[in-house]
PDB file of N, CA and C in Angstrom:
ATOM      1  N   MET A   1      53.619  94.792  60.144  1.00  0.00           N
ATOM      2  CA  MET A   1      52.569  95.422  59.385  1.00  0.00           C
ATOM      3  C   MET A   1      51.774  96.340  60.308  1.00  0.00           C
ATOM      4  N   ARG A   2      51.554  97.535  59.884  1.00  0.00           N
ATOM      5  CA  ARG A   2      50.813  98.518  60.679  1.00  0.00           C
ATOM      6  C   ARG A   2      49.364  98.544  60.243  1.00  0.00           C
ATOM      7  N   CYS A   3      48.459  98.636  61.194  1.00  0.00           N
ATOM      8  CA  CYS A   3      47.024  98.708  60.902  1.00  0.00           C
ATOM      9  C   CYS A   3      46.689 100.061  60.291  1.00  0.00           C
ATOM     10  N   PRO A   4      45.624 100.117  59.496  1.00  0.00           N
ATOM     11  CA  PRO A   4      45.245 101.387  58.873  1.00  0.00           C
ATOM     12  C   PRO A   4      44.746 102.393  59.891  1.00  0.00           C
ATOM     13  N   ARG A   5      44.850 103.660  59.568  1.00  0.00           N
ATOM     14  CA  ARG A   5      44.364 104.742  60.429  1.00  0.00           C
ATOM     15  C   ARG A   5      42.837 104.725  60.471  1.00  0.00           C
ATOM     16  N   THR A   6      42.289 105.279  61.511  1.00  0.00           N
ATOM     17  CA  THR A   6      40.847 105.297  61.727  1.00  0.00           C
ATOM     18  C   THR A   6      40.084 105.873  60.541  1.00  0.00           C
ATOM     19  N   SER A   7      40.549 106.986  59.973  1.00  0.00           N
ATOM     20  CA  SER A   7      39.812 107.645  58.898  1.00  0.00           C
ATOM     21  C   SER A   7      39.640 106.750  57.682  1.00  0.00           C
ATOM     22  N   LYS A   8      40.585 105.890  57.436  1.00  0.00           N
ATOM     23  CA  LYS A   8      40.476 104.989  56.290  1.00  0.00           C
ATOM     24  C   LYS A   8      39.472 103.876  56.536  1.00  0.00           C
ATOM     25  N   VAL A   9      39.279 103.511  57.791  1.00  0.00           N
ATOM     26  CA  VAL A   9      38.359 102.430  58.119  1.00  0.00           C
ATOM     27  C   VAL A   9      36.931 102.936  58.215  1.00  0.00           C
ATOM     28  N   THR A  10      36.725 104.119  58.810  1.00  0.00           N
ATOM     29  CA  THR A  10      35.373 104.584  59.093  1.00  0.00           C
ATOM     30  C   THR A  10      34.796 105.513  58.032  1.00  0.00           C
ATOM     31  N   ASN A  11      35.604 106.020  57.146  1.00  0.00           N
ATOM     32  CA  ASN A  11      35.124 106.933  56.111  1.00  0.00           C
ATOM     33  C   ASN A  11      34.240 106.156  55.139  1.00  0.00           C
ATOM     34  N   THR A  12      32.939 106.491  55.079  1.00  0.00           N
ATOM     35  CA  THR A  12      32.005 105.725  54.253  1.00  0.00           C
ATOM     36  C   THR A  12      32.219 105.934  52.756  1.00  0.00           C
ATOM     37  N   LYS A  13      32.817 107.057  52.366  1.00  0.00           N
ATOM     38  CA  LYS A  13      33.054 107.297  50.944  1.00  0.00           C
ATOM     39  C   LYS A  13      34.243 106.498  50.423  1.00  0.00           C
ATOM     40  N   ASN A  14      35.240 106.300  51.253  1.00  0.00           N
ATOM     41  CA  ASN A  14      36.455 105.605  50.833  1.00  0.00           C
ATOM     42  C   ASN A  14      36.724 104.404  51.715  1.00  0.00           C
ATOM     43  N   ARG A  15      35.797 103.477  51.775  1.00  0.00           N
ATOM     44  CA  ARG A  15      35.979 102.295  52.615  1.00  0.00           C
ATOM     45  C   ARG A  15      37.163 101.467  52.136  1.00  0.00           C
ATOM     46  N   MET A  16      37.882 100.937  53.108  1.00  0.00           N
ATOM     47  CA  MET A  16      39.010 100.082  52.809  1.00  0.00           C
ATOM     48  C   MET A  16      38.484  98.764  52.229  1.00  0.00           C
ATOM     49  N   LYS A  17      39.037  98.337  51.124  1.00  0.00           N
ATOM     50  CA  LYS A  17      38.617  97.080  50.513  1.00  0.00           C
ATOM     51  C   LYS A  17      39.490  95.958  51.043  1.00  0.00           C
ATOM     52  N   ILE A  18      38.835  94.862  51.427  1.00  0.00           N
ATOM     53  CA  ILE A  18      39.563  93.701  51.907  1.00  0.00           C
ATOM     54  C   ILE A  18      39.057  92.469  51.178  1.00  0.00           C
ATOM     55  N   SER A  19      39.909  91.458  51.085  1.00  0.00           N
ATOM     56  CA  SER A  19      39.515  90.254  50.369  1.00  0.00           C
ATOM     57  C   SER A  19      39.048  89.140  51.303  1.00  0.00           C
ATOM     58  N   ALA A  20      39.151  89.348  52.609  1.00  0.00           N
ATOM     59  CA  ALA A  20      38.715  88.325  53.558  1.00  0.00           C
ATOM     60  C   ALA A  20      37.210  88.092  53.409  1.00  0.00           C
ATOM     61  N   ARG A  21      36.812  86.848  53.337  1.00  0.00           N
ATOM     62  CA  ARG A  21      35.395  86.507  53.160  1.00  0.00           C
ATOM     63  C   ARG A  21      34.668  86.366  54.502  1.00  0.00           C
ATOM     64  N   ASN A  22      35.407  86.023  55.542  1.00  0.00           N
ATOM     65  CA  ASN A  22      34.800  85.781  56.845  1.00  0.00           C
ATOM     66  C   ASN A  22      34.883  87.035  57.702  1.00  0.00           C
ATOM     67  N   ARG A  23      33.720  87.690  57.891  1.00  0.00           N
ATOM     68  CA  ARG A  23      33.654  88.929  58.662  1.00  0.00           C
ATOM     69  C   ARG A  23      32.444  88.903  59.597  1.00  0.00           C
ATOM     70  N   PRO A  24      32.452  88.004  60.584  1.00  0.00           N
ATOM     71  CA  PRO A  24      31.297  87.949  61.496  1.00  0.00           C
ATOM     72  C   PRO A  24      31.226  89.168  62.408  1.00  0.00           C
ATOM     73  N   LYS A  25      29.999  89.615  62.664  1.00  0.00           N
ATOM     74  CA  LYS A  25      29.774  90.777  63.529  1.00  0.00           C
ATOM     75  C   LYS A  25      29.617  90.322  64.970  1.00  0.00           C
ATOM     76  N   GLY A  26      30.165  91.105  65.888  1.00  0.00           N
ATOM     77  CA  GLY A  26      30.053  90.766  67.301  1.00  0.00           C
ATOM     78  C   GLY A  26      30.191  91.990  68.169  1.00  0.00           C
ATOM     79  N   LYS A  27      30.427  91.747  69.457  1.00  0.00           N
ATOM     80  CA  LYS A  27      30.613  92.840  70.434  1.00  0.00           C
ATOM     81  C   LYS A  27      31.866  92.566  71.245  1.00  0.00           C
ATOM     82  N   PHE A  28      32.564  93.656  71.590  1.00  0.00           N
ATOM     83  CA  PHE A  28      33.735  93.530  72.445  1.00  0.00           C
ATOM     84  C   PHE A  28      33.288  93.111  73.839  1.00  0.00           C
ATOM     85  N   VAL A  29      33.894  92.048  74.365  1.00  0.00           N
ATOM     86  CA  VAL A  29      33.590  91.607  75.721  1.00  0.00           C
ATOM     87  C   VAL A  29      34.769  91.850  76.653  1.00  0.00           C
ATOM     88  N   GLU A  30      35.939  92.118  76.074  1.00  0.00           N
ATOM     89  CA  GLU A  30      37.117  92.379  76.900  1.00  0.00           C
ATOM     90  C   GLU A  30      38.159  93.122  76.079  1.00  0.00           C
ATOM     91  N   VAL A  31      38.765  94.133  76.681  1.00  0.00           N
ATOM     92  CA  VAL A  31      39.868  94.872  76.076  1.00  0.00           C
ATOM     93  C   VAL A  31      40.932  95.004  77.163  1.00  0.00           C
ATOM     94  N   ILE A  32      42.037  94.268  77.009  1.00  0.00           N
ATOM     95  CA  ILE A  32      43.092  94.273  78.014  1.00  0.00           C
ATOM     96  C   ILE A  32      44.365  94.840  77.391  1.00  0.00           C
ATOM     97  N   LYS A  33      44.806  95.985  77.923  1.00  0.00           N
ATOM     98  CA  LYS A  33      46.020  96.613  77.417  1.00  0.00           C
ATOM     99  C   LYS A  33      47.222  96.140  78.226  1.00  0.00           C
ATOM    100  N   GLY A  34      48.279  95.775  77.500  1.00  0.00           N
ATOM    101  CA  GLY A  34      49.533  95.395  78.132  1.00  0.00           C
ATOM    102  C   GLY A  34      50.526  96.533  77.996  1.00  0.00           C
ATOM    103  N   ALA A  35      51.814  96.200  78.049  1.00  0.00           N
ATOM    104  CA  ALA A  35      52.853  97.220  77.945  1.00  0.00           C
ATOM    105  C   ALA A  35      52.812  97.918  76.587  1.00  0.00           C
ATOM    106  N   THR A  36      52.666  97.153  75.514  1.00  0.00           N
ATOM    107  CA  THR A  36      52.616  97.732  74.163  1.00  0.00           C
ATOM    108  C   THR A  36      51.489  97.155  73.318  1.00  0.00           C
ATOM    109  N   THR A  37      51.026  95.975  73.691  1.00  0.00           N
ATOM    110  CA  THR A  37      50.027  95.260  72.901  1.00  0.00           C
ATOM    111  C   THR A  37      48.765  95.014  73.720  1.00  0.00           C
ATOM    112  N   ALA A  38      47.624  95.131  73.075  1.00  0.00           N
ATOM    113  CA  ALA A  38      46.341  94.861  73.726  1.00  0.00           C
ATOM    114  C   ALA A  38      45.751  93.584  73.164  1.00  0.00           C
ATOM    115  N   HIS A  39      45.014  92.872  74.003  1.00  0.00           N
ATOM    116  CA  HIS A  39      44.248  91.717  73.553  1.00  0.00           C
ATOM    117  C   HIS A  39      42.779  92.094  73.635  1.00  0.00           C
ATOM    118  N   VAL A  40      42.087  91.985  72.512  1.00  0.00           N
ATOM    119  CA  VAL A  40      40.663  92.286  72.477  1.00  0.00           C
ATOM    120  C   VAL A  40      39.912  90.997  72.195  1.00  0.00           C
ATOM    121  N   ARG A  41      38.818  90.814  72.914  1.00  0.00           N
ATOM    122  CA  ARG A  41      37.990  89.617  72.741  1.00  0.00           C
ATOM    123  C   ARG A  41      36.626  90.051  72.231  1.00  0.00           C
ATOM    124  N   ILE A  42      36.179  89.378  71.168  1.00  0.00           N
ATOM    125  CA  ILE A  42      34.908  89.701  70.526  1.00  0.00           C
ATOM    126  C   ILE A  42      33.999  88.480  70.613  1.00  0.00           C
ATOM    127  N   ASP A  43      32.789  88.670  71.127  1.00  0.00           N
ATOM    128  CA  ASP A  43      31.794  87.600  71.163  1.00  0.00           C
ATOM    129  C   ASP A  43      31.054  87.601  69.836  1.00  0.00           C
ATOM    130  N   VAL A  44      31.206  86.514  69.104  1.00  0.00           N
ATOM    131  CA  VAL A  44      30.559  86.362  67.800  1.00  0.00           C
ATOM    132  C   VAL A  44      29.599  85.178  67.909  1.00  0.00           C
ATOM    133  N   GLY A  45      28.347  85.462  68.191  1.00  0.00           N
ATOM    134  CA  GLY A  45      27.348  84.397  68.287  1.00  0.00           C
ATOM    135  C   GLY A  45      27.670  83.342  69.319  1.00  0.00           C
ATOM    136  N   GLY A  46      28.271  83.734  70.439  1.00  0.00           N
ATOM    137  CA  GLY A  46      28.592  82.783  71.495  1.00  0.00           C
ATOM    138  C   GLY A  46      30.006  82.240  71.437  1.00  0.00           C
ATOM    139  N   SER A  47      30.705  82.463  70.349  1.00  0.00           N
ATOM    140  CA  SER A  47      32.116  82.073  70.234  1.00  0.00           C
ATOM    141  C   SER A  47      32.970  83.317  70.441  1.00  0.00           C
ATOM    142  N   ILE A  48      34.113  83.141  71.085  1.00  0.00           N
ATOM    143  CA  ILE A  48      35.005  84.268  71.360  1.00  0.00           C
ATOM    144  C   ILE A  48      36.167  84.263  70.373  1.00  0.00           C
ATOM    145  N   VAL A  49      36.379  85.413  69.736  1.00  0.00           N
ATOM    146  CA  VAL A  49      37.509  85.621  68.833  1.00  0.00           C
ATOM    147  C   VAL A  49      38.442  86.595  69.541  1.00  0.00           C
ATOM    148  N   THR A  50      39.727  86.241  69.624  1.00  0.00           N
ATOM    149  CA  THR A  50      40.711  87.087  70.292  1.00  0.00           C
ATOM    150  C   THR A  50      41.716  87.606  69.287  1.00  0.00           C
ATOM    151  N   ALA A  51      42.059  88.877  69.405  1.00  0.00           N
ATOM    152  CA  ALA A  51      43.057  89.480  68.520  1.00  0.00           C
ATOM    153  C   ALA A  51      44.054  90.266  69.349  1.00  0.00           C
ATOM    154  N   ALA A  52      45.289  90.325  68.876  1.00  0.00           N
ATOM    155  CA  ALA A  52      46.331  91.131  69.513  1.00  0.00           C
ATOM    156  C   ALA A  52      46.601  92.322  68.603  1.00  0.00           C
ATOM    157  N   ILE A  53      46.430  93.525  69.137  1.00  0.00           N
ATOM    158  CA  ILE A  53      46.665  94.750  68.377  1.00  0.00           C
ATOM    159  C   ILE A  53      47.436  95.729  69.262  1.00  0.00           C
ATOM    160  N   THR A  54      47.933  96.795  68.690  1.00  0.00           N
ATOM    161  CA  THR A  54      48.704  97.756  69.479  1.00  0.00           C
ATOM    162  C   THR A  54      47.783  98.570  70.387  1.00  0.00           C
ATOM    163  N   ASN A  55      48.331  98.998  71.525  1.00  0.00           N
ATOM    164  CA  ASN A  55      47.592  99.894  72.415  1.00  0.00           C
ATOM    165  C   ASN A  55      47.224 101.179  71.689  1.00  0.00           C
ATOM    166  N   GLU A  56      48.127 101.649  70.836  1.00  0.00           N
ATOM    167  CA  GLU A  56      47.886 102.870  70.069  1.00  0.00           C
ATOM    168  C   GLU A  56      46.621 102.740  69.219  1.00  0.00           C
ATOM    169  N   PHE A  57      46.446 101.589  68.594  1.00  0.00           N
ATOM    170  CA  PHE A  57      45.281 101.380  67.733  1.00  0.00           C
ATOM    171  C   PHE A  57      43.995 101.296  68.560  1.00  0.00           C
ATOM    172  N   VAL A  58      44.071 100.678  69.747  1.00  0.00           N
ATOM    173  CA  VAL A  58      42.910 100.638  70.647  1.00  0.00           C
ATOM    174  C   VAL A  58      42.470 102.066  70.974  1.00  0.00           C
ATOM    175  N   ASP A  59      43.453 102.922  71.284  1.00  0.00           N
ATOM    176  CA  ASP A  59      43.149 104.313  71.619  1.00  0.00           C
ATOM    177  C   ASP A  59      42.612 105.089  70.419  1.00  0.00           C
ATOM    178  N   GLU A  60      43.221 104.895  69.244  1.00  0.00           N
ATOM    179  CA  GLU A  60      42.784 105.605  68.031  1.00  0.00           C
ATOM    180  C   GLU A  60      41.338 105.285  67.688  1.00  0.00           C
ATOM    181  N   LEU A  61      40.959 104.019  67.834  1.00  0.00           N
ATOM    182  CA  LEU A  61      39.598 103.610  67.488  1.00  0.00           C
ATOM    183  C   LEU A  61      38.614 103.749  68.644  1.00  0.00           C
ATOM    184  N   GLY A  62      39.132 103.998  69.839  1.00  0.00           N
ATOM    185  CA  GLY A  62      38.254 104.127  71.000  1.00  0.00           C
ATOM    186  C   GLY A  62      37.539 102.830  71.331  1.00  0.00           C
ATOM    187  N   LEU A  63      38.242 101.705  71.222  1.00  0.00           N
ATOM    188  CA  LEU A  63      37.618 100.400  71.465  1.00  0.00           C
ATOM    189  C   LEU A  63      37.250 100.245  72.933  1.00  0.00           C
ATOM    190  N   LYS A  64      36.000  99.811  73.183  1.00  0.00           N
ATOM    191  CA  LYS A  64      35.501  99.659  74.544  1.00  0.00           C
ATOM    192  C   LYS A  64      34.603  98.428  74.626  1.00  0.00           C
ATOM    193  N   VAL A  65      34.537  97.848  75.801  1.00  0.00           N
ATOM    194  CA  VAL A  65      33.635  96.727  76.045  1.00  0.00           C
ATOM    195  C   VAL A  65      32.216  97.151  75.716  1.00  0.00           C
ATOM    196  N   GLY A  66      31.498  96.300  74.988  1.00  0.00           N
ATOM    197  CA  GLY A  66      30.121  96.590  74.585  1.00  0.00           C
ATOM    198  C   GLY A  66      30.012  97.171  73.196  1.00  0.00           C
ATOM    199  N   GLY A  67      31.141  97.658  72.652  1.00  0.00           N
ATOM    200  CA  GLY A  67      31.126  98.230  71.303  1.00  0.00           C
ATOM    201  C   GLY A  67      31.006  97.151  70.238  1.00  0.00           C
ATOM    202  N   GLU A  68      30.394  97.494  69.114  1.00  0.00           N
ATOM    203  CA  GLU A  68      30.248  96.546  68.008  1.00  0.00           C
ATOM    204  C   GLU A  68      31.546  96.443  67.218  1.00  0.00           C
ATOM    205  N   ALA A  69      31.770  95.259  66.654  1.00  0.00           N
ATOM    206  CA  ALA A  69      32.991  95.022  65.893  1.00  0.00           C
ATOM    207  C   ALA A  69      32.748  93.937  64.855  1.00  0.00           C
ATOM    208  N   TYR A  70      33.571  93.933  63.842  1.00  0.00           N
ATOM    209  CA  TYR A  70      33.615  92.836  62.885  1.00  0.00           C
ATOM    210  C   TYR A  70      34.950  92.134  63.068  1.00  0.00           C
ATOM    211  N   ALA A  71      34.912  90.838  63.201  1.00  0.00           N
ATOM    212  CA  ALA A  71      36.140  90.052  63.290  1.00  0.00           C
ATOM    213  C   ALA A  71      36.503  89.647  61.867  1.00  0.00           C
ATOM    214  N   VAL A  72      37.520  90.250  61.318  1.00  0.00           N
ATOM    215  CA  VAL A  72      37.940  89.936  59.955  1.00  0.00           C
ATOM    216  C   VAL A  72      38.928  88.783  60.043  1.00  0.00           C
ATOM    217  N   ILE A  73      38.526  87.634  59.499  1.00  0.00           N
ATOM    218  CA  ILE A  73      39.339  86.428  59.609  1.00  0.00           C
ATOM    219  C   ILE A  73      39.872  86.059  58.245  1.00  0.00           C
ATOM    220  N   LYS A  74      41.190  86.159  58.108  1.00  0.00           N
ATOM    221  CA  LYS A  74      41.834  85.775  56.860  1.00  0.00           C
ATOM    222  C   LYS A  74      43.084  85.012  57.221  1.00  0.00           C
ATOM    223  N   ALA A  75      43.058  83.753  56.997  1.00  0.00           N
ATOM    224  CA  ALA A  75      44.198  82.919  57.347  1.00  0.00           C
ATOM    225  C   ALA A  75      44.240  81.697  56.435  1.00  0.00           C
ATOM    226  N   SER A  76      45.418  81.173  56.251  1.00  0.00           N
ATOM    227  CA  SER A  76      45.553  79.969  55.431  1.00  0.00           C
ATOM    228  C   SER A  76      45.212  78.725  56.240  1.00  0.00           C
ATOM    229  N   ASP A  77      45.243  78.848  57.579  1.00  0.00           N
ATOM    230  CA  ASP A  77      44.990  77.692  58.424  1.00  0.00           C
ATOM    231  C   ASP A  77      44.349  78.154  59.729  1.00  0.00           C
ATOM    232  N   VAL A  78      43.105  77.726  59.970  1.00  0.00           N
ATOM    233  CA  VAL A  78      42.405  78.066  61.201  1.00  0.00           C
ATOM    234  C   VAL A  78      41.987  76.767  61.863  1.00  0.00           C
ATOM    235  N   ARG A  79      42.260  76.663  63.156  1.00  0.00           N
ATOM    236  CA  ARG A  79      41.906  75.442  63.891  1.00  0.00           C
ATOM    237  C   ARG A  79      40.951  75.784  65.014  1.00  0.00           C
ATOM    238  N   GLN A  80      39.929  74.963  65.156  1.00  0.00           N
ATOM    239  CA  GLN A  80      39.016  75.139  66.269  1.00  0.00           C
ATOM    240  C   GLN A  80      39.530  74.277  67.423  1.00  0.00           C
ATOM    241  N   VAL A  81      39.641  74.896  68.599  1.00  0.00           N
ATOM    242  CA  VAL A  81      40.190  74.178  69.753  1.00  0.00           C
ATOM    243  C   VAL A  81      39.089  73.884  70.729  1.00  0.00           C
TER     244      VAL A  81
END
């Protein structure tokens, strides 16, 4: 599955609709790019949420440490470790 292009996410007139109910706001604390995939870590109220996304998407969105983000969590099974 490919992530949506930047214009679809940031365009205020045509916001992308999602059904995920859990969308906590946080800040990027780490962005580590690998060969093809990046791991981004978001601090959400003291808890860290980690996501794996493509390097291309990191570049398209200009993701940087300190930037604001929403962690969109939609899963059938989430475990706290």
